[in-house]
Protein backbone atom coordinates (compact mmCIF):
# COMPACT_ATOMS: atom_id res chain seq x y z
CA MET A 1 -10.77 -17.43 11.46
CA ALA A 2 -10.76 -17.88 7.74
CA VAL A 3 -11.57 -15.92 4.33
CA TYR A 4 -14.52 -16.29 2.45
CA THR A 5 -15.40 -12.62 1.48
CA GLU A 6 -13.06 -10.58 -0.56
CA VAL A 7 -12.59 -6.94 0.42
CA GLY A 8 -11.93 -4.37 -2.14
CA ASP A 9 -9.88 -1.06 -1.60
CA THR A 10 -12.54 1.23 -2.44
CA GLU A 11 -15.25 -0.28 0.09
CA LEU A 12 -12.11 -0.66 2.82
CA ASP A 13 -11.55 2.85 2.40
CA ALA A 14 -15.20 4.28 2.85
CA PHE A 15 -15.18 1.49 5.81
CA LEU A 16 -12.54 3.01 7.41
CA ALA A 17 -13.59 6.56 7.11
CA GLU A 18 -16.23 5.74 9.64
CA TYR A 19 -13.08 5.43 12.39
CA ASP A 20 -10.12 7.26 13.65
CA ILE A 21 -7.78 4.59 13.08
CA GLY A 22 -5.84 6.23 10.33
CA GLU A 23 -5.82 4.92 6.52
CA ALA A 24 -5.47 1.35 4.93
CA GLU A 25 -1.92 0.51 4.42
CA ALA A 26 -2.20 -3.11 3.89
CA LEU A 27 -5.26 -6.11 4.36
CA LYS A 28 -4.56 -9.34 4.99
CA GLY A 29 -6.34 -12.92 5.28
CA VAL A 30 -6.08 -15.15 7.84
CA ALA A 31 -6.58 -19.13 6.86
CA GLU A 32 -7.14 -20.13 10.42
CA GLY A 33 -10.31 -21.52 11.82
CA VAL A 34 -13.89 -21.91 10.52
CA GLU A 35 -16.01 -19.36 11.32
CA ASN A 36 -15.70 -15.82 9.94
CA SER A 37 -13.80 -14.00 7.43
CA ASN A 38 -10.66 -12.45 9.23
CA TYR A 39 -8.00 -9.78 8.16
CA LEU A 40 -5.15 -8.50 9.59
CA LEU A 41 -5.37 -4.80 9.07
CA THR A 42 -2.50 -2.22 9.45
CA THR A 43 -3.15 1.59 8.74
CA THR A 44 -1.33 4.21 9.25
CA LYS A 45 -1.85 4.32 12.86
CA GLY A 46 -1.39 0.98 13.96
CA GLN A 47 -2.43 -3.14 13.09
CA TYR A 48 -6.29 -3.90 14.19
CA PHE A 49 -8.45 -7.16 13.29
CA LEU A 50 -10.82 -7.14 11.12
CA THR A 51 -14.08 -9.63 10.92
CA LEU A 52 -16.34 -10.08 8.62
CA TYR A 53 -19.30 -12.33 10.10
CA GLU A 54 -20.51 -14.98 7.98
CA LYS A 55 -23.42 -17.19 8.14
CA ARG A 56 -23.41 -19.23 10.97
CA VAL A 57 -22.89 -15.50 13.09
CA ASN A 58 -26.22 -14.31 13.77
CA PRO A 59 -26.04 -10.36 13.75
CA ARG A 60 -28.14 -9.91 16.46
CA ASP A 61 -25.66 -12.06 18.59
CA LEU A 62 -22.78 -9.21 17.86
CA PRO A 63 -24.00 -6.95 20.94
CA PHE A 64 -23.11 -9.83 23.07
CA PHE A 65 -19.79 -11.01 21.50
CA LEU A 66 -18.77 -7.47 21.11
CA GLY A 67 -19.39 -5.80 24.51
CA LEU A 68 -18.34 -8.87 26.59
CA MET A 69 -14.73 -8.11 24.86
CA ASP A 70 -15.57 -4.28 26.38
CA HIS A 71 -16.72 -5.81 29.46
CA LEU A 72 -13.87 -8.33 30.10
CA ALA A 73 -10.98 -5.89 28.79
CA ALA A 74 -12.25 -3.49 31.81
CA ARG A 75 -12.03 -5.75 34.29
CA GLY A 76 -8.42 -7.02 33.55
CA ILE A 77 -8.78 -9.97 31.23
CA ASN A 78 -6.50 -9.43 28.01
CA CYS A 79 -9.09 -9.66 25.09
CA PRO A 80 -9.26 -7.93 21.91
CA GLN A 81 -11.24 -5.21 22.25
CA PRO A 82 -13.77 -3.37 19.81
CA ILE A 83 -12.89 -0.36 17.85
CA HIS A 84 -15.99 2.26 18.46
CA GLY A 85 -16.09 4.53 15.17
CA ARG A 86 -16.87 7.56 15.44
CA ASP A 87 -20.67 7.12 15.91
CA GLY A 88 -19.88 4.95 19.00
CA GLY A 89 -20.98 2.12 17.15
CA THR A 90 -18.90 -1.27 16.78
CA VAL A 91 -20.33 -3.28 14.26
CA ARG A 92 -20.84 -1.59 9.96
CA THR A 93 -21.23 -3.25 6.98
CA LEU A 94 -18.58 -4.30 4.76
CA ALA A 95 -18.69 -6.24 1.56
CA GLY A 96 -22.36 -7.10 2.47
CA LYS A 97 -21.39 -8.62 5.50
CA PRO A 98 -21.65 -7.54 9.39
CA ALA A 99 -18.15 -6.21 10.75
CA ALA A 100 -16.12 -5.07 12.92
CA ILE A 101 -12.70 -3.99 14.09
CA THR A 102 -10.83 -5.07 16.94
CA SER A 103 -7.40 -3.96 18.87
CA PHE A 104 -4.37 -6.39 18.17
CA LEU A 105 -2.94 -8.54 20.57
CA HIS A 106 0.41 -9.78 20.46
CA GLY A 107 1.81 -12.85 21.14
CA LEU A 108 2.42 -16.51 19.82
CA SER A 109 -0.38 -19.52 19.92
CA PRO A 110 1.29 -22.57 21.41
CA HIS A 111 1.46 -25.19 18.32
CA ARG A 112 3.41 -27.93 20.92
CA ILE A 113 1.39 -27.73 23.74
CA GLY A 114 3.30 -28.39 27.12
CA VAL A 115 2.42 -28.64 30.62
CA LYS A 116 3.71 -25.53 31.21
CA HIS A 117 0.63 -23.88 29.04
CA CYS A 118 -2.07 -25.78 30.61
CA GLY A 119 -1.63 -23.92 34.66
CA PRO A 120 -1.70 -20.57 33.15
CA VAL A 121 -5.00 -21.76 30.94
CA GLY A 122 -6.73 -22.84 33.75
CA GLU A 123 -6.07 -19.90 35.44
CA ALA A 124 -7.17 -17.42 32.45
CA LEU A 125 -10.13 -19.49 31.95
CA ALA A 126 -11.58 -19.49 36.02
CA GLY A 127 -10.40 -15.45 35.67
CA LEU A 128 -12.94 -15.21 32.74
CA HIS A 129 -15.39 -16.81 34.65
CA LEU A 130 -15.13 -14.52 37.75
CA ALA A 131 -15.01 -11.20 35.60
CA GLY A 132 -18.22 -12.54 33.72
CA ARG A 133 -20.40 -12.85 36.36
CA ASP A 134 -21.81 -8.75 36.24
CA PHE A 135 -21.99 -9.16 32.69
CA ALA A 136 -25.69 -8.06 31.78
CA LEU A 137 -26.30 -9.80 28.26
CA LYS A 138 -27.33 -13.23 28.37
CA ARG A 139 -26.78 -15.63 25.06
CA PRO A 140 -28.00 -19.26 25.25
CA ASN A 141 -25.18 -22.15 24.64
CA ALA A 142 -26.91 -23.33 20.89
CA LEU A 143 -24.10 -25.85 20.77
CA SER A 144 -24.91 -27.49 23.73
CA VAL A 145 -26.90 -30.61 24.48
CA GLN A 146 -30.17 -29.77 22.62
CA GLY A 147 -28.17 -28.46 19.56
CA TRP A 148 -26.38 -31.65 18.94
CA ARG A 149 -29.16 -33.77 17.26
CA PRO A 150 -29.94 -31.10 14.93
CA LEU A 151 -26.36 -30.42 14.10
CA PHE A 152 -26.17 -34.19 13.67
CA ASP A 153 -29.28 -34.65 11.20
CA GLY A 154 -27.25 -31.98 8.65
CA SER A 155 -24.39 -34.75 8.68
CA ARG A 156 -26.61 -38.18 9.23
CA ALA A 157 -27.05 -39.18 5.82
CA HIS A 158 -23.25 -38.89 4.51
CA ALA A 159 -21.57 -39.21 8.04
CA ASP A 160 -20.71 -43.21 7.11
CA SER A 161 -18.44 -42.10 4.50
CA VAL A 162 -16.34 -40.22 7.13
CA ALA A 163 -16.28 -43.50 8.87
CA PRO A 164 -18.04 -46.89 8.80
CA GLY A 165 -21.13 -46.85 11.54
CA LEU A 166 -19.91 -43.07 12.35
CA ALA A 167 -23.91 -42.52 12.20
CA ARG A 168 -25.07 -45.32 14.41
CA GLU A 169 -22.43 -44.56 17.14
CA LEU A 170 -23.04 -40.50 17.27
CA GLY A 171 -26.78 -41.14 17.44
CA ALA A 172 -26.57 -43.56 20.11
CA GLU A 173 -23.93 -40.80 22.05
CA ILE A 174 -26.95 -38.30 21.62
CA ASP A 175 -29.35 -40.63 23.08
CA ASP A 176 -27.71 -41.40 26.27
CA LEU A 177 -26.22 -37.57 26.62
CA GLU A 178 -29.66 -36.17 26.12
CA ALA A 179 -31.01 -38.56 29.02
CA ASN A 180 -28.13 -38.07 31.51
CA TRP A 181 -26.82 -34.15 30.88
CA PRO A 182 -26.15 -32.53 34.23
CA THR A 183 -28.59 -29.54 35.70
CA GLY A 184 -28.07 -26.82 37.69
CA LEU A 185 -24.47 -26.34 37.68
CA PRO A 186 -23.17 -22.84 38.59
CA ALA A 187 -23.60 -21.01 35.24
CA GLY A 188 -22.46 -17.73 33.64
CA VAL A 189 -20.55 -16.64 30.97
CA ILE A 190 -18.00 -19.14 28.71
CA HIS A 191 -15.70 -18.88 26.20
CA ALA A 192 -16.94 -22.46 24.51
CA ASP A 193 -13.63 -22.00 22.03
CA LEU A 194 -10.51 -22.16 24.27
CA PHE A 195 -8.67 -23.65 21.73
CA ASN A 196 -4.85 -23.41 21.73
CA ASP A 197 -5.02 -21.05 18.63
CA ASN A 198 -7.05 -18.75 20.68
CA VAL A 199 -4.68 -18.57 23.62
CA PHE A 200 -1.74 -16.47 23.09
CA PHE A 201 2.02 -16.60 24.90
CA LEU A 202 4.63 -14.11 25.36
CA HIS A 203 8.03 -15.85 26.75
CA ASP A 204 5.87 -18.64 28.22
CA ARG A 205 3.45 -16.05 29.80
CA LEU A 206 -0.06 -15.96 28.85
CA SER A 207 -0.76 -13.00 26.84
CA GLY A 208 -4.35 -12.98 25.70
CA LEU A 209 -7.45 -14.75 24.82
CA ILE A 210 -8.99 -14.41 21.53
CA ASP A 211 -12.08 -15.57 19.40
CA PHE A 212 -15.48 -14.87 21.69
CA TYR A 213 -17.78 -15.78 18.97
CA PHE A 214 -19.26 -18.66 20.56
CA ALA A 215 -19.31 -17.15 24.26
CA CYS A 216 -22.60 -17.99 25.53
CA ASN A 217 -24.32 -18.53 28.85
CA ASP A 218 -23.92 -22.39 30.37
CA ALA A 219 -21.94 -24.07 32.83
CA LEU A 220 -18.69 -23.16 33.88
CA ALA A 221 -17.82 -26.43 33.92
CA TYR A 222 -18.82 -27.35 30.45
CA ASP A 223 -16.12 -24.79 29.60
CA VAL A 224 -13.38 -26.37 31.74
CA ALA A 225 -14.52 -29.51 30.25
CA ILE A 226 -13.93 -28.00 26.51
CA CYS A 227 -10.47 -27.19 27.32
CA LEU A 228 -9.44 -30.86 28.78
CA ASN A 229 -10.29 -31.42 25.15
CA ALA A 230 -8.63 -28.51 23.61
CA TRP A 231 -5.40 -29.10 25.61
CA CYS A 232 -4.62 -32.23 26.85
CA PHE A 233 -4.42 -34.70 23.94
CA GLU A 234 -1.37 -35.64 22.29
CA PRO A 235 -0.80 -35.72 18.39
CA ASP A 236 -1.90 -39.41 18.95
CA ARG A 237 -4.53 -38.71 20.22
CA SER A 238 -4.00 -40.05 23.97
CA PHE A 239 -5.24 -38.34 27.02
CA ASN A 240 -2.43 -36.63 28.88
CA ALA A 241 -2.86 -36.68 32.68
CA THR A 242 -0.40 -34.43 33.55
CA LYS A 243 -1.51 -31.67 31.14
CA ALA A 244 -4.64 -32.16 32.76
CA ARG A 245 -4.00 -31.90 36.52
CA ALA A 246 -2.11 -28.63 35.56
CA LEU A 247 -5.25 -27.58 33.95
CA LEU A 248 -7.65 -28.59 36.83
CA GLN A 249 -5.02 -27.43 39.83
CA GLY A 250 -4.44 -23.83 37.45
CA TYR A 251 -8.43 -23.15 37.48
CA ASP A 252 -8.68 -24.28 41.11
CA LYS A 253 -6.59 -21.52 42.19
CA VAL A 254 -9.03 -19.00 41.28
CA ARG A 255 -11.87 -20.67 41.06
CA PRO A 256 -12.54 -24.27 42.79
CA LEU A 257 -14.84 -26.43 41.26
CA GLY A 258 -17.63 -27.57 43.35
CA ASP A 259 -18.04 -31.05 44.33
CA GLU A 260 -20.99 -31.92 41.99
CA GLU A 261 -18.91 -29.97 38.86
CA ARG A 262 -16.13 -32.39 39.53
CA ARG A 263 -18.25 -35.83 39.82
CA VAL A 264 -19.77 -34.62 36.43
CA LEU A 265 -16.80 -33.23 34.76
CA PRO A 266 -15.98 -36.56 32.61
CA LEU A 267 -19.91 -36.15 31.15
CA LEU A 268 -19.12 -32.65 30.79
CA ALA A 269 -15.89 -34.04 28.60
CA ARG A 270 -17.88 -36.39 26.84
CA GLY A 271 -20.32 -33.85 25.51
CA ALA A 272 -17.63 -31.06 24.66
CA ALA A 273 -16.09 -33.80 22.57
CA LEU A 274 -19.61 -34.47 20.55
CA ARG A 275 -20.09 -31.12 20.41
CA PHE A 276 -16.63 -30.30 18.48
CA LEU A 277 -16.80 -33.84 16.61
CA LEU A 278 -20.64 -32.58 15.23
CA THR A 279 -19.39 -29.38 14.09
CA ARG A 280 -16.18 -30.72 12.82
CA LEU A 281 -18.15 -33.29 10.63
CA TYR A 282 -20.77 -30.57 9.67
CA ASP A 283 -17.49 -28.34 8.20
CA TRP A 284 -15.96 -31.63 6.66
CA LEU A 285 -19.06 -32.14 4.50
CA HIS A 286 -20.60 -28.75 3.63
CA THR A 287 -17.35 -26.34 3.50
CA PRO A 288 -17.83 -25.07 0.13
CA ALA A 289 -15.12 -25.73 -2.74
CA GLY A 290 -12.61 -22.75 -3.07
CA ALA A 291 -12.83 -21.05 0.56
CA LEU A 292 -9.26 -20.31 1.96
CA VAL A 293 -9.61 -22.03 5.00
CA LYS A 294 -8.41 -25.53 6.72
CA ARG A 295 -10.81 -28.09 7.21
CA LYS A 296 -10.63 -29.96 10.75
CA ASP A 297 -10.62 -33.60 11.12
CA PRO A 298 -13.95 -35.23 13.09
CA LEU A 299 -12.20 -38.52 13.58
CA GLU A 300 -9.80 -36.73 16.36
CA TYR A 301 -12.74 -35.97 18.16
CA LEU A 302 -14.10 -39.90 17.73
CA ALA A 303 -11.19 -40.86 19.55
CA TYR A 304 -11.69 -38.38 22.45
CA LEU A 305 -15.37 -39.09 23.03
CA ARG A 306 -14.17 -42.70 23.50
CA PHE A 307 -11.75 -41.88 25.77
CA HIS A 308 -14.34 -39.96 27.88
CA ARG A 309 -16.83 -42.44 27.37
CA ASN A 310 -14.90 -44.78 29.23
CA ALA A 311 -13.75 -42.83 32.15
CA ARG A 312 -15.42 -43.03 35.51
CA SER A 313 -13.71 -40.22 37.71
CA LEU A 314 -11.23 -37.50 38.10
CA ALA A 315 -9.01 -40.35 38.64
CA ASP A 316 -8.97 -40.72 34.89
CA TYR A 317 -7.82 -36.84 34.60
CA GLY A 318 -5.10 -37.31 37.12
CA LEU A 319 -6.44 -36.04 40.34
């Protein structure tokens, strides 16, 4: 979440006139994340979340994202629900950008991740995978293995300004993963970005999942690998196998991983680390001056990548 595009009072009023959610009382920018412009919207009828979709989001993908949230909510997944306008639509234009309003979820993201959080996250992720099985729309993962080299090419020339030798190391990593990336794994809808700031808890109970704007179709175990990176490293960048065990056991309670998924999980986790390293590197080098957004350190994921590169089996992940 972030704010790149400012919204004026007059245009907001005209925008809200297309909905039955009351009149605007307050609009507050949310300065987290890096993808879209996000606002907490308070109206005379309640609180909502307003998103303006910036350049990285293809407007043609919005029916997938918003339709998926409707689909998951109907199957018991506590996630934001798109607010439909008077004409039934969910996407409009605001301040020159595609925009949508979603329901507001209550809860807090855990800033200090504990083992107690990881089991519920694993269960929720598996529940999402099962709930998405009959979602009709499809969206390929543009940030999987085939997308890494083009993304890297946009940062290669300046990568060594972030860390000496980084360009060479990343180039070699992409070569190896392209040659060995697994295929034929169970696939379906994945969240693809289930970090701690996208999960809400209330009184130690997981209360909701948010931010589905990277959701796509890919190997389900790759989503698990993303969560291993997001939830199981400590602030000193060491891997916590106890957290990983809790996450994986939580997932297995709802949807057991198959033998092949378990075998290749270290490789998938390595690829997931590379994916976030590359997007963080690109944003580190290309975020516009003055944008209300907190850039994330790409070198954090370089440490994670090196851990996974040395892992050989699930024993390294606590199982």
